[in-house]
Amino acid sequence: KNASQQGLPFETNPRVLYRGYSANCLNNSTSVMLQFVGTGLVQKAICLGEDRDLTKAEQLAAAFSSGYLSGFICGPIELAMIQQQRKGT
């Protein structure tokens, strides 16, 4: 996707095709983990210790907050992946 957006030719060499794969795996697993845990923590903070179900708006706010906060960690990992794909290091 990134190579196409940058006008780079499509490579079939596995050494070139899979550059950045480890950073991609790290980024995706970290993102899912942070969002899962973060959403739970934000939901608990919204409930303030009460044992109740969240409204749809509260669920949406917790998920949005968690996704927003995970971007601060996953954004730099995404940048590393793109740099590995472009430069091979």
N, C-alpha and C. Protein backbone atom coordinates (compact mmCIF):
# COMPACT_ATOMS: atom_id res chain seq x y z
N LYS A 1 0.83 -1.19 0.00
CA LYS A 1 0.00 0.00 0.00
C LYS A 1 0.87 1.25 0.00
N ASN A 2 1.84 1.27 0.91
CA ASN A 2 2.70 2.46 1.00
C ASN A 2 3.53 2.65 -0.26
N ALA A 3 4.04 1.55 -0.81
CA ALA A 3 4.84 1.64 -2.03
C ALA A 3 4.00 2.18 -3.18
N SER A 4 2.77 1.72 -3.26
CA SER A 4 1.86 2.20 -4.31
C SER A 4 1.58 3.69 -4.16
N GLN A 5 1.35 4.14 -2.94
CA GLN A 5 1.08 5.56 -2.69
C GLN A 5 2.27 6.44 -3.01
N GLN A 6 3.48 5.88 -2.87
CA GLN A 6 4.69 6.65 -3.09
C GLN A 6 5.23 6.49 -4.51
N GLY A 7 4.51 5.74 -5.33
CA GLY A 7 4.91 5.57 -6.72
C GLY A 7 6.11 4.64 -6.90
N LEU A 8 6.39 3.79 -5.92
CA LEU A 8 7.51 2.85 -6.01
C LEU A 8 7.06 1.61 -6.76
N PRO A 9 7.98 0.94 -7.47
CA PRO A 9 7.60 -0.27 -8.21
C PRO A 9 7.27 -1.42 -7.27
N PHE A 10 6.41 -2.32 -7.73
CA PHE A 10 6.05 -3.50 -6.94
C PHE A 10 7.18 -4.51 -7.03
N GLU A 11 7.63 -5.00 -5.90
CA GLU A 11 8.73 -5.96 -5.83
C GLU A 11 8.20 -7.35 -5.53
N THR A 12 8.79 -8.36 -6.14
CA THR A 12 8.43 -9.75 -5.83
C THR A 12 9.54 -10.44 -5.06
N ASN A 13 10.66 -9.77 -4.85
CA ASN A 13 11.76 -10.32 -4.07
C ASN A 13 11.33 -10.37 -2.61
N PRO A 14 11.32 -11.55 -1.98
CA PRO A 14 10.87 -11.65 -0.59
C PRO A 14 11.67 -10.78 0.39
N ARG A 15 12.95 -10.57 0.12
CA ARG A 15 13.76 -9.73 1.01
C ARG A 15 13.28 -8.29 0.99
N VAL A 16 12.74 -7.87 -0.13
CA VAL A 16 12.23 -6.51 -0.25
C VAL A 16 10.76 -6.46 0.15
N LEU A 17 10.01 -7.49 -0.26
CA LEU A 17 8.56 -7.52 -0.03
C LEU A 17 8.21 -7.55 1.46
N TYR A 18 9.03 -8.24 2.28
CA TYR A 18 8.72 -8.39 3.70
C TYR A 18 9.50 -7.45 4.61
N ARG A 19 10.13 -6.42 4.04
CA ARG A 19 10.79 -5.43 4.89
C ARG A 19 9.72 -4.72 5.72
N GLY A 20 9.99 -4.53 6.98
CA GLY A 20 9.03 -3.87 7.86
C GLY A 20 7.98 -4.80 8.44
N TYR A 21 8.06 -6.09 8.14
CA TYR A 21 7.04 -7.04 8.61
C TYR A 21 7.04 -7.16 10.13
N SER A 22 8.25 -7.19 10.73
CA SER A 22 8.31 -7.32 12.19
C SER A 22 7.74 -6.08 12.87
N ALA A 23 8.02 -4.90 12.33
CA ALA A 23 7.44 -3.68 12.90
C ALA A 23 5.93 -3.66 12.72
N ASN A 24 5.44 -4.21 11.61
CA ASN A 24 4.00 -4.28 11.39
C ASN A 24 3.34 -5.20 12.41
N CYS A 25 3.95 -6.36 12.67
CA CYS A 25 3.41 -7.28 13.68
C CYS A 25 3.42 -6.64 15.07
N LEU A 26 4.53 -5.97 15.39
CA LEU A 26 4.63 -5.28 16.68
C LEU A 26 3.57 -4.19 16.80
N ASN A 27 3.38 -3.43 15.73
CA ASN A 27 2.40 -2.35 15.74
C ASN A 27 0.98 -2.88 15.93
N ASN A 28 0.63 -3.90 15.17
CA ASN A 28 -0.74 -4.43 15.26
C ASN A 28 -1.01 -5.07 16.61
N SER A 29 -0.07 -5.87 17.12
CA SER A 29 -0.31 -6.52 18.41
C SER A 29 -0.35 -5.49 19.55
N THR A 30 0.53 -4.51 19.50
CA THR A 30 0.53 -3.46 20.52
C THR A 30 -0.76 -2.65 20.46
N SER A 31 -1.18 -2.32 19.27
CA SER A 31 -2.40 -1.53 19.09
C SER A 31 -3.62 -2.25 19.67
N VAL A 32 -3.77 -3.52 19.33
CA VAL A 32 -4.92 -4.29 19.82
C VAL A 32 -4.87 -4.41 21.34
N MET A 33 -3.67 -4.71 21.88
CA MET A 33 -3.54 -4.87 23.32
C MET A 33 -3.87 -3.57 24.05
N LEU A 34 -3.29 -2.46 23.58
CA LEU A 34 -3.53 -1.18 24.25
C LEU A 34 -4.99 -0.76 24.17
N GLN A 35 -5.61 -0.99 23.03
CA GLN A 35 -7.01 -0.59 22.88
C GLN A 35 -7.92 -1.47 23.74
N PHE A 36 -7.62 -2.74 23.82
CA PHE A 36 -8.44 -3.64 24.64
C PHE A 36 -8.34 -3.27 26.12
N VAL A 37 -7.11 -3.15 26.60
CA VAL A 37 -6.90 -2.81 28.00
C VAL A 37 -7.37 -1.39 28.29
N GLY A 38 -7.04 -0.47 27.40
CA GLY A 38 -7.41 0.93 27.59
C GLY A 38 -8.90 1.14 27.64
N THR A 39 -9.63 0.44 26.79
CA THR A 39 -11.09 0.58 26.79
C THR A 39 -11.66 0.10 28.12
N GLY A 40 -11.13 -1.00 28.63
CA GLY A 40 -11.60 -1.50 29.94
C GLY A 40 -11.32 -0.52 31.06
N LEU A 41 -10.12 0.08 31.05
CA LEU A 41 -9.78 1.04 32.09
C LEU A 41 -10.64 2.30 32.02
N VAL A 42 -10.89 2.77 30.81
CA VAL A 42 -11.72 3.97 30.65
C VAL A 42 -13.16 3.66 31.06
N GLN A 43 -13.64 2.47 30.72
CA GLN A 43 -15.00 2.10 31.12
C GLN A 43 -15.13 2.06 32.64
N LYS A 44 -14.12 1.53 33.32
CA LYS A 44 -14.15 1.51 34.78
C LYS A 44 -14.12 2.92 35.35
N ALA A 45 -13.35 3.78 34.73
CA ALA A 45 -13.28 5.18 35.19
C ALA A 45 -14.62 5.88 35.00
N ILE A 46 -15.30 5.57 33.91
CA ILE A 46 -16.61 6.20 33.64
C ILE A 46 -17.63 5.74 34.69
N CYS A 47 -17.59 4.46 35.05
CA CYS A 47 -18.56 3.92 36.02
C CYS A 47 -18.29 4.38 37.45
N LEU A 48 -17.08 4.81 37.73
CA LEU A 48 -16.71 5.26 39.08
C LEU A 48 -17.00 4.20 40.14
N GLY A 49 -16.72 2.94 39.82
CA GLY A 49 -16.90 1.87 40.79
C GLY A 49 -18.31 1.32 40.88
N GLU A 50 -19.25 1.92 40.20
CA GLU A 50 -20.63 1.40 40.22
C GLU A 50 -20.72 0.15 39.36
N ASP A 51 -21.60 -0.76 39.75
CA ASP A 51 -21.83 -1.97 38.97
C ASP A 51 -23.04 -1.74 38.07
N ARG A 52 -22.79 -1.21 36.89
CA ARG A 52 -23.88 -0.91 35.96
C ARG A 52 -23.38 -1.06 34.53
N ASP A 53 -24.32 -1.18 33.61
CA ASP A 53 -23.97 -1.22 32.20
C ASP A 53 -23.75 0.20 31.69
N LEU A 54 -22.82 0.34 30.76
CA LEU A 54 -22.57 1.65 30.16
C LEU A 54 -23.59 1.92 29.07
N THR A 55 -23.90 3.18 28.88
CA THR A 55 -24.77 3.56 27.77
C THR A 55 -23.96 3.42 26.48
N LYS A 56 -24.64 3.45 25.36
CA LYS A 56 -23.96 3.36 24.07
C LYS A 56 -22.98 4.53 23.90
N ALA A 57 -23.36 5.70 24.33
CA ALA A 57 -22.48 6.88 24.22
C ALA A 57 -21.23 6.71 25.09
N GLU A 58 -21.40 6.12 26.27
CA GLU A 58 -20.26 5.89 27.15
C GLU A 58 -19.32 4.83 26.56
N GLN A 59 -19.89 3.79 25.97
CA GLN A 59 -19.08 2.77 25.32
C GLN A 59 -18.29 3.36 24.16
N LEU A 60 -18.95 4.19 23.38
CA LEU A 60 -18.30 4.84 22.25
C LEU A 60 -17.19 5.78 22.73
N ALA A 61 -17.44 6.53 23.78
CA ALA A 61 -16.43 7.44 24.32
C ALA A 61 -15.22 6.67 24.86
N ALA A 62 -15.46 5.53 25.50
CA ALA A 62 -14.35 4.73 26.02
C ALA A 62 -13.52 4.16 24.87
N ALA A 63 -14.17 3.66 23.84
CA ALA A 63 -13.45 3.10 22.70
C ALA A 63 -12.67 4.19 21.96
N PHE A 64 -13.29 5.34 21.77
CA PHE A 64 -12.62 6.45 21.09
C PHE A 64 -11.41 6.91 21.89
N SER A 65 -11.57 7.05 23.19
CA SER A 65 -10.47 7.49 24.05
C SER A 65 -9.31 6.51 24.00
N SER A 66 -9.60 5.25 24.06
CA SER A 66 -8.57 4.22 24.02
C SER A 66 -7.84 4.22 22.68
N GLY A 67 -8.57 4.35 21.60
CA GLY A 67 -7.94 4.42 20.28
C GLY A 67 -7.07 5.64 20.12
N TYR A 68 -7.55 6.75 20.63
CA TYR A 68 -6.79 8.00 20.57
C TYR A 68 -5.47 7.87 21.35
N LEU A 69 -5.54 7.33 22.55
CA LEU A 69 -4.35 7.21 23.39
C LEU A 69 -3.35 6.19 22.84
N SER A 70 -3.84 5.14 22.20
CA SER A 70 -2.92 4.14 21.64
C SER A 70 -2.15 4.71 20.46
N GLY A 71 -2.66 5.73 19.83
CA GLY A 71 -1.97 6.34 18.70
C GLY A 71 -0.64 6.96 19.07
N PHE A 72 -0.49 7.39 20.32
CA PHE A 72 0.76 7.99 20.75
C PHE A 72 1.89 6.96 20.80
N ILE A 73 1.55 5.71 21.01
CA ILE A 73 2.56 4.65 21.03
C ILE A 73 2.67 3.99 19.66
N CYS A 74 1.55 3.75 19.02
CA CYS A 74 1.56 3.03 17.75
C CYS A 74 1.98 3.90 16.56
N GLY A 75 1.81 5.19 16.65
CA GLY A 75 2.21 6.08 15.55
C GLY A 75 3.70 5.99 15.25
N PRO A 76 4.57 6.10 16.25
CA PRO A 76 6.01 5.96 15.97
C PRO A 76 6.40 4.57 15.44
N ILE A 77 5.70 3.53 15.90
CA ILE A 77 5.99 2.19 15.39
C ILE A 77 5.61 2.11 13.91
N GLU A 78 4.49 2.72 13.55
CA GLU A 78 4.05 2.76 12.14
C GLU A 78 5.09 3.50 11.30
N LEU A 79 5.63 4.58 11.82
CA LEU A 79 6.66 5.33 11.11
C LEU A 79 7.90 4.46 10.89
N ALA A 80 8.30 3.71 11.91
CA ALA A 80 9.45 2.82 11.76
C ALA A 80 9.20 1.77 10.69
N MET A 81 7.98 1.23 10.64
CA MET A 81 7.64 0.24 9.63
C MET A 81 7.75 0.84 8.23
N ILE A 82 7.22 2.02 8.04
CA ILE A 82 7.27 2.66 6.72
C ILE A 82 8.71 2.94 6.32
N GLN A 83 9.52 3.40 7.26
CA GLN A 83 10.92 3.67 6.96
C GLN A 83 11.66 2.39 6.61
N GLN A 84 11.36 1.29 7.29
CA GLN A 84 11.98 0.01 6.96
C GLN A 84 11.58 -0.44 5.56
N GLN A 85 10.33 -0.24 5.19
CA GLN A 85 9.88 -0.63 3.88
C GLN A 85 10.54 0.21 2.79
N ARG A 86 10.70 1.47 3.04
CA ARG A 86 11.28 2.36 2.02
C ARG A 86 12.79 2.22 1.90
N LYS A 87 13.47 2.13 3.05
CA LYS A 87 14.93 2.19 3.04
C LYS A 87 15.62 0.85 3.29
N GLY A 88 14.86 -0.13 3.74
CA GLY A 88 15.43 -1.45 3.95
C GLY A 88 16.26 -1.60 5.21
N THR A 89 16.14 -0.68 6.14
CA THR A 89 16.90 -0.80 7.39
C THR A 89 15.99 -0.84 8.58
